[in-house]
Structures are given as structure tokens and as C-alpha cells.
């Protein structure tokens, strides 16, 4: 039997005024800001259970812009389920945008038949509050995949919930991402 998702992970959307939307979801709605950078903010109603349920990214040029969905993300139970999705995505000739580790998860980003952005992801068991996306080859052995995830986690583990990564950590993450992209 083919892998299937086990639930909605989060919705990502583009916003025009990131600071206004951070205030709305944090202060008015009452969610917890868990991950933040200059261009994005992630919120959770229960950070102990789920590191984010909303991911917002700067980039919506106009409130009339109908393309505001950044991604629809769904969880899978295992790394093998993620690999099964990758295989079936390729078989169906859907476009894979990228496969990355976020230290806390590995996400496979692709397009559905109408070109909507979709992510299927597997939670690694790490807690990471950094916005981090490092290319990863999930066709490697489990041990090598976990080693690659651990390298990302080693860089991101000191980022505090709701705080941006320091310039030094951002530079180290970018260096690791660049090296991973070259080796892919």
C-alpha cells in the first residue's frame, strides 16, 4: 500500500505587511510566535505539540493578488513514507521544487496537478526554532539522512523560540545550504 498523509501540518501564506500580521496572530489571536526571520514568521497555538500551524512569508505585492497561498503542508509517519511520496510524485511527473531538512522535519515540496504548492513532511524528532532549509538527498541510507539532519540541527539548536537566528548562525546555515546544494 502506498504511503498516505496523517494530517494537515500547516498552511503557509504570503502577506503584504509582516509586522502587522505578526501582531494580529500573536497579540489578537493569541498564538505563539515560534520561528521568525526578516521575511517570515511561524505561529503555533501549542508549541509543545506542534512547532507551527501557520507559516507566513513576506511577498504579497497587493491585497488583490489572488496568489496568496504559499504552501499546504501535510505530515507523513516515516522517512520511508516520504520516500514513497517522492517516488510517486516522480511517477506522476509532478514538479518537485525541492527536498530539504528543516532540522525538525524533512519536507518534499512539489506542485499538484493545478500547480498549487504542496509539502509532505516527516518530523525528525528534533526541536528547532530556526527557519532553516538545507537540501537533502532522502535516497541515501537512513544513517546518512539522519547525519545530514543532525548537521542542520547542530547549527539551529541554539536559536530561541520566537527569536531570529544570530547573523553568525544565519551565515553558518547559508554555508551548509550552499555546500549541500553543490553536492546534490
N, C-alpha and C. Protein backbone atom coordinates (compact mmCIF):
# COMPACT_ATOMS: atom_id res chain seq x y z
N UNK A 1 0.84 -1.19 0.00
CA UNK A 1 0.00 0.00 0.00
C UNK A 1 0.88 1.24 0.00
N UNK A 2 0.46 2.21 -0.72
CA UNK A 2 1.20 3.47 -0.79
C UNK A 2 1.05 4.28 0.49
N UNK A 3 2.07 5.10 0.75
CA UNK A 3 2.03 5.99 1.91
C UNK A 3 0.88 6.98 1.77
N UNK A 4 0.38 7.44 2.91
CA UNK A 4 -0.63 8.49 2.89
C UNK A 4 -0.30 9.48 4.00
N UNK A 5 -0.85 10.66 3.89
CA UNK A 5 -0.61 11.67 4.92
C UNK A 5 -1.43 11.33 6.16
N UNK A 6 -0.96 11.80 7.32
CA UNK A 6 -1.69 11.53 8.55
C UNK A 6 -2.36 12.77 9.13
N UNK A 7 -2.27 13.88 8.41
CA UNK A 7 -2.94 15.08 8.87
C UNK A 7 -2.35 16.34 8.27
N UNK A 8 -3.10 17.40 8.41
CA UNK A 8 -2.63 18.70 7.97
C UNK A 8 -1.55 19.17 8.93
N UNK A 9 -0.44 19.61 8.40
CA UNK A 9 0.64 20.13 9.23
C UNK A 9 0.50 21.61 9.46
N UNK A 10 0.46 22.37 8.37
CA UNK A 10 0.31 23.82 8.47
C UNK A 10 -0.07 24.39 7.11
N UNK A 11 -0.52 25.61 7.17
CA UNK A 11 -0.82 26.40 5.96
C UNK A 11 0.20 27.52 5.91
N UNK A 12 0.75 27.73 4.75
CA UNK A 12 1.65 28.86 4.54
C UNK A 12 0.98 29.85 3.61
N UNK A 13 1.13 31.13 3.92
CA UNK A 13 0.56 32.14 3.03
C UNK A 13 1.45 33.36 2.98
N UNK A 14 1.32 34.08 1.88
CA UNK A 14 2.08 35.31 1.67
C UNK A 14 1.32 36.48 2.28
N UNK A 15 2.05 37.40 2.89
CA UNK A 15 1.45 38.58 3.49
C UNK A 15 2.12 39.83 2.92
N UNK A 16 1.39 40.92 2.98
CA UNK A 16 1.92 42.19 2.50
C UNK A 16 2.66 42.92 3.61
N UNK A 17 2.11 42.91 4.82
CA UNK A 17 2.70 43.63 5.95
C UNK A 17 3.00 42.62 7.05
N UNK A 18 4.22 42.10 7.07
CA UNK A 18 4.59 41.05 8.01
C UNK A 18 4.44 41.50 9.46
N UNK A 19 4.85 42.70 9.79
CA UNK A 19 4.76 43.18 11.18
C UNK A 19 3.30 43.27 11.64
N UNK A 20 2.43 43.78 10.79
CA UNK A 20 1.00 43.86 11.12
C UNK A 20 0.43 42.46 11.36
N UNK A 21 0.78 41.51 10.50
CA UNK A 21 0.25 40.17 10.62
C UNK A 21 0.84 39.43 11.82
N UNK A 22 2.10 39.71 12.17
CA UNK A 22 2.68 39.12 13.39
C UNK A 22 1.90 39.61 14.61
N UNK A 23 1.58 40.89 14.65
CA UNK A 23 0.83 41.45 15.77
C UNK A 23 -0.56 40.83 15.82
N UNK A 24 -1.21 40.67 14.68
CA UNK A 24 -2.56 40.11 14.63
C UNK A 24 -2.58 38.68 15.17
N UNK A 25 -1.74 37.80 14.59
CA UNK A 25 -1.76 36.39 15.00
C UNK A 25 -1.19 36.18 16.40
N UNK A 26 -0.25 37.03 16.81
CA UNK A 26 0.33 36.90 18.14
C UNK A 26 -0.52 37.54 19.22
N UNK A 27 -0.79 38.83 19.09
CA UNK A 27 -1.48 39.56 20.15
C UNK A 27 -3.01 39.39 20.09
N UNK A 28 -3.58 39.54 18.92
CA UNK A 28 -5.04 39.47 18.82
C UNK A 28 -5.56 38.04 18.89
N UNK A 29 -5.00 37.14 18.05
CA UNK A 29 -5.45 35.75 18.02
C UNK A 29 -4.91 34.98 19.22
N UNK A 30 -3.71 35.32 19.67
CA UNK A 30 -3.14 34.69 20.86
C UNK A 30 -2.25 33.49 20.59
N UNK A 31 -1.77 33.36 19.38
CA UNK A 31 -0.85 32.26 19.07
C UNK A 31 0.56 32.65 19.51
N UNK A 32 1.44 31.66 19.59
CA UNK A 32 2.82 31.88 19.99
C UNK A 32 3.70 31.97 18.76
N UNK A 33 4.49 33.04 18.69
CA UNK A 33 5.49 33.18 17.64
C UNK A 33 6.60 32.19 17.93
N UNK A 34 6.83 31.23 17.03
CA UNK A 34 7.82 30.19 17.29
C UNK A 34 9.09 30.37 16.47
N UNK A 35 8.96 30.75 15.21
CA UNK A 35 10.11 30.93 14.33
C UNK A 35 9.95 32.26 13.62
N UNK A 36 11.05 32.99 13.49
CA UNK A 36 10.94 34.30 12.88
C UNK A 36 12.23 34.64 12.14
N UNK A 37 12.07 35.32 11.03
CA UNK A 37 13.20 35.86 10.29
C UNK A 37 12.74 37.18 9.69
N UNK A 38 13.60 37.81 8.96
CA UNK A 38 13.26 39.09 8.32
C UNK A 38 12.09 38.94 7.36
N UNK A 39 11.96 37.77 6.75
CA UNK A 39 10.94 37.58 5.71
C UNK A 39 9.83 36.61 6.07
N UNK A 40 9.81 36.12 7.31
CA UNK A 40 8.78 35.16 7.65
C UNK A 40 8.54 35.04 9.14
N UNK A 41 7.39 34.48 9.49
CA UNK A 41 7.03 34.25 10.88
C UNK A 41 6.14 33.01 10.95
N UNK A 42 6.42 32.14 11.95
CA UNK A 42 5.66 30.92 12.14
C UNK A 42 4.97 31.01 13.50
N UNK A 43 3.73 30.53 13.57
CA UNK A 43 2.94 30.60 14.79
C UNK A 43 2.36 29.23 15.13
N UNK A 44 2.20 28.99 16.44
CA UNK A 44 1.58 27.77 16.92
C UNK A 44 0.63 28.10 18.07
N UNK A 45 -0.47 27.39 18.12
CA UNK A 45 -1.37 27.51 19.26
C UNK A 45 -0.84 26.69 20.44
N UNK A 46 0.01 25.69 20.16
CA UNK A 46 0.56 24.82 21.18
C UNK A 46 1.96 24.37 20.77
N UNK A 47 2.99 25.20 21.04
CA UNK A 47 4.34 24.87 20.59
C UNK A 47 4.89 23.55 21.13
N UNK A 48 4.38 23.08 22.27
CA UNK A 48 4.83 21.78 22.80
C UNK A 48 4.39 20.65 21.87
N UNK A 49 3.24 20.78 21.27
CA UNK A 49 2.69 19.72 20.41
C UNK A 49 3.07 19.89 18.95
N UNK A 50 3.19 21.14 18.49
CA UNK A 50 3.42 21.40 17.06
C UNK A 50 4.18 22.71 16.93
N UNK A 51 5.32 22.69 16.25
CA UNK A 51 6.12 23.91 16.23
C UNK A 51 5.53 25.03 15.38
N UNK A 52 4.65 24.71 14.45
CA UNK A 52 3.90 25.76 13.78
C UNK A 52 2.71 25.19 13.03
N UNK A 53 1.64 25.98 13.01
CA UNK A 53 0.43 25.64 12.26
C UNK A 53 0.17 26.68 11.18
N UNK A 54 0.80 27.83 11.33
CA UNK A 54 0.72 28.90 10.33
C UNK A 54 2.13 29.33 10.00
N UNK A 55 2.42 29.43 8.71
CA UNK A 55 3.70 29.96 8.23
C UNK A 55 3.37 31.12 7.31
N UNK A 56 3.80 32.31 7.68
CA UNK A 56 3.55 33.46 6.80
C UNK A 56 4.87 33.99 6.28
N UNK A 57 4.85 34.38 5.02
CA UNK A 57 6.04 34.89 4.35
C UNK A 57 5.73 36.22 3.70
N UNK A 58 6.68 37.13 3.81
CA UNK A 58 6.54 38.40 3.10
C UNK A 58 6.55 38.11 1.61
N UNK A 59 5.86 38.93 0.85
CA UNK A 59 5.91 38.76 -0.59
C UNK A 59 4.60 38.96 -1.32
N UNK A 60 3.54 39.25 -0.61
CA UNK A 60 2.27 39.52 -1.29
C UNK A 60 2.28 40.97 -1.74
N UNK A 61 2.34 41.17 -3.02
CA UNK A 61 2.51 42.52 -3.56
C UNK A 61 1.27 43.38 -3.43
N UNK A 62 0.11 42.76 -3.38
CA UNK A 62 -1.14 43.51 -3.32
C UNK A 62 -2.17 42.66 -2.59
N UNK A 63 -3.07 43.30 -1.86
CA UNK A 63 -4.13 42.56 -1.21
C UNK A 63 -5.12 41.98 -2.22
N UNK A 64 -5.08 42.48 -3.45
CA UNK A 64 -5.94 41.95 -4.52
C UNK A 64 -5.30 40.76 -5.22
N UNK A 65 -4.02 40.46 -4.91
CA UNK A 65 -3.31 39.35 -5.54
C UNK A 65 -3.96 38.03 -5.13
N UNK A 66 -4.49 37.25 -6.08
CA UNK A 66 -5.17 36.01 -5.72
C UNK A 66 -4.21 34.88 -5.36
N UNK A 67 -2.92 35.06 -5.57
CA UNK A 67 -1.93 34.01 -5.31
C UNK A 67 -1.31 34.22 -3.94
N UNK A 68 -2.10 34.00 -2.90
CA UNK A 68 -1.60 34.25 -1.56
C UNK A 68 -1.21 32.99 -0.81
N UNK A 69 -1.61 31.82 -1.31
CA UNK A 69 -1.22 30.57 -0.65
C UNK A 69 0.26 30.31 -0.97
N UNK A 70 1.05 30.16 0.07
CA UNK A 70 2.47 29.87 -0.07
C UNK A 70 2.68 28.36 -0.14
N UNK A 71 1.94 27.60 0.68
CA UNK A 71 2.00 26.14 0.64
C UNK A 71 0.92 25.54 1.52
N UNK A 72 0.55 24.31 1.19
CA UNK A 72 -0.30 23.49 2.04
C UNK A 72 0.57 22.30 2.42
N UNK A 73 0.77 22.10 3.72
CA UNK A 73 1.71 21.09 4.20
C UNK A 73 1.00 20.01 5.00
N UNK A 74 1.38 18.76 4.70
CA UNK A 74 0.77 17.60 5.36
C UNK A 74 1.85 16.65 5.86
N UNK A 75 1.61 16.09 7.05
CA UNK A 75 2.56 15.19 7.70
C UNK A 75 2.45 13.76 7.16
N UNK A 76 3.59 13.06 7.21
CA UNK A 76 3.62 11.62 6.99
C UNK A 76 4.27 10.98 8.21
N UNK A 77 4.09 9.67 8.36
CA UNK A 77 4.54 8.97 9.56
C UNK A 77 6.02 8.62 9.59
N UNK A 78 6.65 8.48 8.42
CA UNK A 78 8.02 7.97 8.43
C UNK A 78 8.83 8.51 7.25
N UNK A 79 10.14 8.34 7.37
CA UNK A 79 11.04 8.69 6.28
C UNK A 79 10.72 7.84 5.05
N UNK A 80 10.40 6.57 5.25
CA UNK A 80 10.03 5.72 4.11
C UNK A 80 8.75 6.20 3.44
N UNK A 81 7.80 6.72 4.23
CA UNK A 81 6.59 7.30 3.62
C UNK A 81 6.96 8.49 2.75
N UNK A 82 7.88 9.31 3.24
CA UNK A 82 8.32 10.47 2.45
C UNK A 82 8.98 10.01 1.15
N UNK A 83 9.81 8.99 1.25
CA UNK A 83 10.44 8.42 0.05
C UNK A 83 9.39 7.88 -0.92
N UNK A 84 8.35 7.24 -0.40
CA UNK A 84 7.28 6.72 -1.25
C UNK A 84 6.57 7.86 -1.98
N UNK A 85 6.31 8.94 -1.25
CA UNK A 85 5.70 10.10 -1.91
C UNK A 85 6.60 10.63 -3.02
N UNK A 86 7.89 10.74 -2.75
CA UNK A 86 8.82 11.23 -3.78
C UNK A 86 8.75 10.35 -5.02
N UNK A 87 8.78 9.04 -4.82
CA UNK A 87 8.72 8.10 -5.94
C UNK A 87 7.44 8.30 -6.76
N UNK A 88 6.31 8.43 -6.06
CA UNK A 88 5.03 8.57 -6.76
C UNK A 88 4.89 9.95 -7.42
N UNK A 89 5.46 10.97 -6.80
CA UNK A 89 5.46 12.31 -7.42
C UNK A 89 6.20 12.25 -8.75
N UNK A 90 7.35 11.59 -8.75
CA UNK A 90 8.13 11.45 -9.99
C UNK A 90 7.38 10.61 -11.01
N UNK A 91 6.77 9.51 -10.57
CA UNK A 91 5.99 8.66 -11.49
C UNK A 91 4.88 9.43 -12.17
N UNK A 92 4.25 10.33 -11.44
CA UNK A 92 3.15 11.12 -11.98
C UNK A 92 3.63 12.35 -12.76
N UNK A 93 4.93 12.56 -12.74
CA UNK A 93 5.54 13.70 -13.43
C UNK A 93 5.10 15.04 -12.86
N UNK A 94 4.84 15.07 -11.54
CA UNK A 94 4.59 16.34 -10.86
C UNK A 94 5.94 17.00 -10.64
N UNK A 95 5.94 18.29 -10.57
CA UNK A 95 7.19 19.06 -10.42
C UNK A 95 7.61 19.09 -8.95
N UNK A 96 8.81 18.59 -8.67
CA UNK A 96 9.40 18.73 -7.33
C UNK A 96 10.17 20.05 -7.30
N UNK A 97 9.81 20.91 -6.36
CA UNK A 97 10.51 22.19 -6.20
C UNK A 97 11.80 22.01 -5.42
N UNK A 98 11.74 21.23 -4.32
CA UNK A 98 12.93 20.99 -3.51
C UNK A 98 12.59 19.96 -2.44
N UNK A 99 13.65 19.33 -1.94
CA UNK A 99 13.55 18.46 -0.76
C UNK A 99 14.62 18.96 0.20
N UNK A 100 14.18 19.34 1.41
CA UNK A 100 15.09 19.99 2.36
C UNK A 100 14.86 19.46 3.77
N UNK A 101 15.90 19.62 4.59
CA UNK A 101 15.73 19.40 6.01
C UNK A 101 15.57 20.76 6.69
N UNK A 102 14.63 20.80 7.61
CA UNK A 102 14.43 21.98 8.46
C UNK A 102 14.97 21.69 9.86
N UNK A 103 15.75 20.63 10.01
CA UNK A 103 16.26 20.11 11.27
C UNK A 103 15.14 19.43 12.05
N UNK A 104 14.01 20.07 12.20
CA UNK A 104 12.87 19.47 12.91
C UNK A 104 12.05 18.57 11.98
N UNK A 105 12.21 18.72 10.70
CA UNK A 105 11.44 17.95 9.72
C UNK A 105 12.21 17.88 8.41
N UNK A 106 11.82 16.94 7.57
CA UNK A 106 12.30 16.89 6.18
C UNK A 106 11.07 17.10 5.32
N UNK A 107 11.13 18.08 4.43
CA UNK A 107 9.99 18.40 3.58
C UNK A 107 10.27 18.18 2.11
N UNK A 108 9.29 17.60 1.44
CA UNK A 108 9.32 17.46 -0.02
C UNK A 108 8.28 18.42 -0.58
N UNK A 109 8.75 19.43 -1.28
CA UNK A 109 7.89 20.47 -1.83
C UNK A 109 7.67 20.18 -3.32
N UNK A 110 6.40 20.14 -3.71
CA UNK A 110 6.09 19.83 -5.10
C UNK A 110 4.81 20.55 -5.50
N UNK A 111 4.39 20.37 -6.74
CA UNK A 111 3.19 21.02 -7.28
C UNK A 111 2.12 19.98 -7.59
N UNK A 112 0.89 20.30 -7.19
CA UNK A 112 -0.21 19.41 -7.52
C UNK A 112 -0.58 19.59 -9.00
N UNK A 113 -1.56 18.85 -9.53
CA UNK A 113 -1.87 18.95 -10.96
C UNK A 113 -2.27 20.35 -11.44
N UNK A 114 -2.73 21.22 -10.53
CA UNK A 114 -3.07 22.59 -10.92
C UNK A 114 -2.01 23.59 -10.50
N UNK A 115 -0.81 23.09 -10.19
CA UNK A 115 0.36 23.90 -9.87
C UNK A 115 0.30 24.58 -8.50
N UNK A 116 -0.54 24.07 -7.60
CA UNK A 116 -0.57 24.59 -6.23
C UNK A 116 0.62 24.03 -5.46
N UNK A 117 1.26 24.84 -4.61
CA UNK A 117 2.41 24.36 -3.84
C UNK A 117 1.99 23.48 -2.67
N UNK A 118 2.57 22.28 -2.62
CA UNK A 118 2.27 21.28 -1.61
C UNK A 118 3.58 20.87 -0.94
N UNK A 119 3.50 20.56 0.35
CA UNK A 119 4.64 19.96 1.06
C UNK A 119 4.13 18.72 1.78
N UNK A 120 4.85 17.62 1.65
CA UNK A 120 4.67 16.48 2.54
C UNK A 120 5.94 16.42 3.37
N UNK A 121 5.77 16.23 4.69
CA UNK A 121 6.95 16.27 5.55
C UNK A 121 6.90 15.21 6.64
N UNK A 122 8.10 14.83 7.08
CA UNK A 122 8.28 13.88 8.17
C UNK A 122 9.01 14.58 9.30
N UNK A 123 8.46 14.49 10.51
CA UNK A 123 9.07 15.08 11.70
C UNK A 123 10.26 14.22 12.13
N UNK A 124 11.42 14.86 12.33
CA UNK A 124 12.66 14.13 12.65
C UNK A 124 12.80 13.81 14.12
N UNK A 125 12.05 14.50 14.97
CA UNK A 125 12.20 14.32 16.41
C UNK A 125 13.03 15.42 17.05
N UNK A 126 13.68 16.26 16.26
CA UNK A 126 14.43 17.40 16.78
C UNK A 126 13.49 18.59 16.95
N UNK A 127 13.80 19.43 17.90
CA UNK A 127 13.09 20.69 18.05
C UNK A 127 14.01 21.80 17.57
N UNK A 128 13.57 22.51 16.56
CA UNK A 128 14.38 23.60 16.01
C UNK A 128 13.48 24.81 15.80
N UNK A 129 13.90 25.95 16.34
CA UNK A 129 13.13 27.18 16.20
C UNK A 129 13.70 28.08 15.11
N UNK A 130 14.68 27.61 14.38
CA UNK A 130 15.26 28.39 13.29
C UNK A 130 14.49 28.13 12.00
N UNK A 131 14.40 29.15 11.16
CA UNK A 131 13.90 28.93 9.80
C UNK A 131 15.10 28.48 9.00
N UNK A 132 15.14 27.20 8.71
CA UNK A 132 16.29 26.57 8.07
C UNK A 132 15.80 25.63 6.99
N UNK A 133 16.42 25.68 5.82
CA UNK A 133 16.09 24.79 4.71
C UNK A 133 17.39 24.39 4.02
N UNK A 134 17.82 23.18 4.28
CA UNK A 134 19.07 22.66 3.73
C UNK A 134 18.72 21.53 2.77
N UNK A 135 19.17 21.61 1.51
CA UNK A 135 18.89 20.50 0.58
C UNK A 135 19.38 19.17 1.16
N UNK A 136 18.59 18.12 0.92
CA UNK A 136 18.93 16.79 1.44
C UNK A 136 18.51 15.72 0.43
N UNK A 137 19.32 14.68 0.33
CA UNK A 137 19.03 13.56 -0.56
C UNK A 137 18.42 12.45 0.29
N UNK A 138 17.12 12.26 0.19
CA UNK A 138 16.45 11.25 1.01
C UNK A 138 16.60 9.84 0.46
N UNK A 139 17.27 9.71 -0.70
CA UNK A 139 17.52 8.39 -1.26
C UNK A 139 18.79 7.76 -0.69
N UNK A 140 19.50 8.49 0.16
CA UNK A 140 20.66 7.94 0.85
C UNK A 140 20.18 6.95 1.91
N UNK A 141 21.11 6.28 2.56
CA UNK A 141 20.76 5.38 3.66
C UNK A 141 20.13 6.20 4.79
N UNK A 142 19.34 5.53 5.62
CA UNK A 142 18.74 6.20 6.78
C UNK A 142 19.82 6.87 7.62
N UNK A 143 20.94 6.18 7.82
CA UNK A 143 22.02 6.72 8.65
C UNK A 143 22.58 8.02 8.06
N UNK A 144 22.75 8.07 6.74
CA UNK A 144 23.29 9.27 6.12
C UNK A 144 22.28 10.42 6.16
N UNK A 145 21.00 10.10 5.94
CA UNK A 145 19.96 11.12 6.03
C UNK A 145 19.94 11.71 7.44
N UNK A 146 19.96 10.86 8.45
CA UNK A 146 19.94 11.33 9.84
C UNK A 146 21.20 12.14 10.15
N UNK A 147 22.34 11.74 9.60
CA UNK A 147 23.58 12.52 9.81
C UNK A 147 23.44 13.91 9.19
N UNK A 148 22.83 14.00 8.00
CA UNK A 148 22.62 15.31 7.37
C UNK A 148 21.65 16.16 8.19
N UNK A 149 20.60 15.54 8.70
CA UNK A 149 19.65 16.26 9.57
C UNK A 149 20.38 16.76 10.82
N UNK A 150 21.23 15.92 11.38
CA UNK A 150 21.95 16.29 12.61
C UNK A 150 22.86 17.49 12.37
N UNK A 151 23.51 17.55 11.20
CA UNK A 151 24.36 18.73 10.88
C UNK A 151 23.51 20.01 10.88
N UNK A 152 22.31 19.93 10.31
CA UNK A 152 21.42 21.10 10.32
C UNK A 152 20.98 21.43 11.74
N UNK A 153 20.66 20.40 12.51
CA UNK A 153 20.22 20.63 13.88
C UNK A 153 21.34 21.22 14.74
N UNK A 154 22.57 20.75 14.53
CA UNK A 154 23.70 21.29 15.29
C UNK A 154 23.82 22.80 15.11
N UNK A 155 23.49 23.30 13.92
CA UNK A 155 23.55 24.74 13.66
C UNK A 155 22.35 25.48 14.23
N UNK A 156 21.19 24.84 14.21
CA UNK A 156 19.95 25.55 14.54
C UNK A 156 19.50 25.41 15.98
N UNK A 157 20.07 24.49 16.72
CA UNK A 157 19.55 24.16 18.05
C UNK A 157 19.65 25.30 19.06
N UNK A 158 20.48 26.28 18.81
CA UNK A 158 20.65 27.36 19.78
C UNK A 158 19.76 28.57 19.49
N UNK A 159 18.96 28.49 18.43
CA UNK A 159 18.02 29.58 18.14
C UNK A 159 16.84 29.44 19.10
N UNK A 160 16.52 30.54 19.79
CA UNK A 160 15.43 30.52 20.76
C UNK A 160 14.09 30.69 20.06
N UNK A 161 13.05 30.08 20.66
CA UNK A 161 11.71 30.20 20.12
C UNK A 161 11.33 31.67 20.02
N UNK A 162 10.81 32.06 18.86
CA UNK A 162 10.34 33.42 18.64
C UNK A 162 11.41 34.44 18.40
N UNK A 163 12.67 34.00 18.29
CA UNK A 163 13.79 34.93 18.07
C UNK A 163 14.45 34.60 16.74
N UNK A 164 14.93 35.61 16.04
CA UNK A 164 15.66 35.32 14.79
C UNK A 164 17.02 34.72 15.10
N UNK A 165 17.54 33.98 14.17
CA UNK A 165 18.90 33.45 14.30
C UNK A 165 19.88 34.61 14.29
N UNK A 166 20.97 34.45 15.00
CA UNK A 166 22.01 35.49 15.01
C UNK A 166 22.64 35.56 13.62
N UNK A 167 23.29 36.65 13.29
CA UNK A 167 23.98 36.73 11.99
C UNK A 167 24.98 35.58 11.80
N UNK A 168 25.64 35.16 12.87
CA UNK A 168 26.62 34.07 12.76
C UNK A 168 25.94 32.75 12.43
N UNK A 169 24.82 32.49 13.08
CA UNK A 169 24.09 31.25 12.80
C UNK A 169 23.50 31.30 11.40
N UNK A 170 22.96 32.45 11.00
CA UNK A 170 22.42 32.58 9.63
C UNK A 170 23.51 32.30 8.61
N UNK A 171 24.72 32.84 8.84
CA UNK A 171 25.83 32.63 7.90
C UNK A 171 26.22 31.15 7.86
N UNK A 172 26.26 30.48 9.01
CA UNK A 172 26.61 29.07 9.04
C UNK A 172 25.54 28.22 8.34
N UNK A 173 24.28 28.57 8.53
CA UNK A 173 23.19 27.86 7.85
C UNK A 173 23.31 28.05 6.34
N UNK A 174 23.57 29.27 5.91
CA UNK A 174 23.73 29.54 4.47
C UNK A 174 24.92 28.77 3.89
N UNK A 175 25.99 28.70 4.64
CA UNK A 175 27.16 27.95 4.18
C UNK A 175 26.84 26.46 4.04
N UNK A 176 26.14 25.90 5.01
CA UNK A 176 25.75 24.49 4.93
C UNK A 176 24.78 24.26 3.77
N UNK A 177 23.83 25.18 3.57
CA UNK A 177 22.88 25.05 2.46
C UNK A 177 23.59 25.11 1.12
N UNK A 178 24.55 26.01 0.99
CA UNK A 178 25.30 26.12 -0.26
C UNK A 178 26.11 24.86 -0.54
N UNK A 179 26.76 24.33 0.50
CA UNK A 179 27.55 23.11 0.33
C UNK A 179 26.64 21.93 -0.02
N UNK A 180 25.48 21.84 0.60
CA UNK A 180 24.55 20.74 0.32
C UNK A 180 24.00 20.85 -1.10
N UNK A 181 23.73 22.07 -1.55
CA UNK A 181 23.21 22.26 -2.91
C UNK A 181 24.24 21.84 -3.96
N UNK A 182 25.50 22.12 -3.70
CA UNK A 182 26.57 21.75 -4.63
C UNK A 182 26.73 20.24 -4.71
N UNK A 183 26.59 19.55 -3.56
CA UNK A 183 26.78 18.10 -3.55
C UNK A 183 25.56 17.35 -4.06
N UNK A 184 24.42 18.02 -4.20
CA UNK A 184 23.20 17.34 -4.68
C UNK A 184 23.21 17.13 -6.17
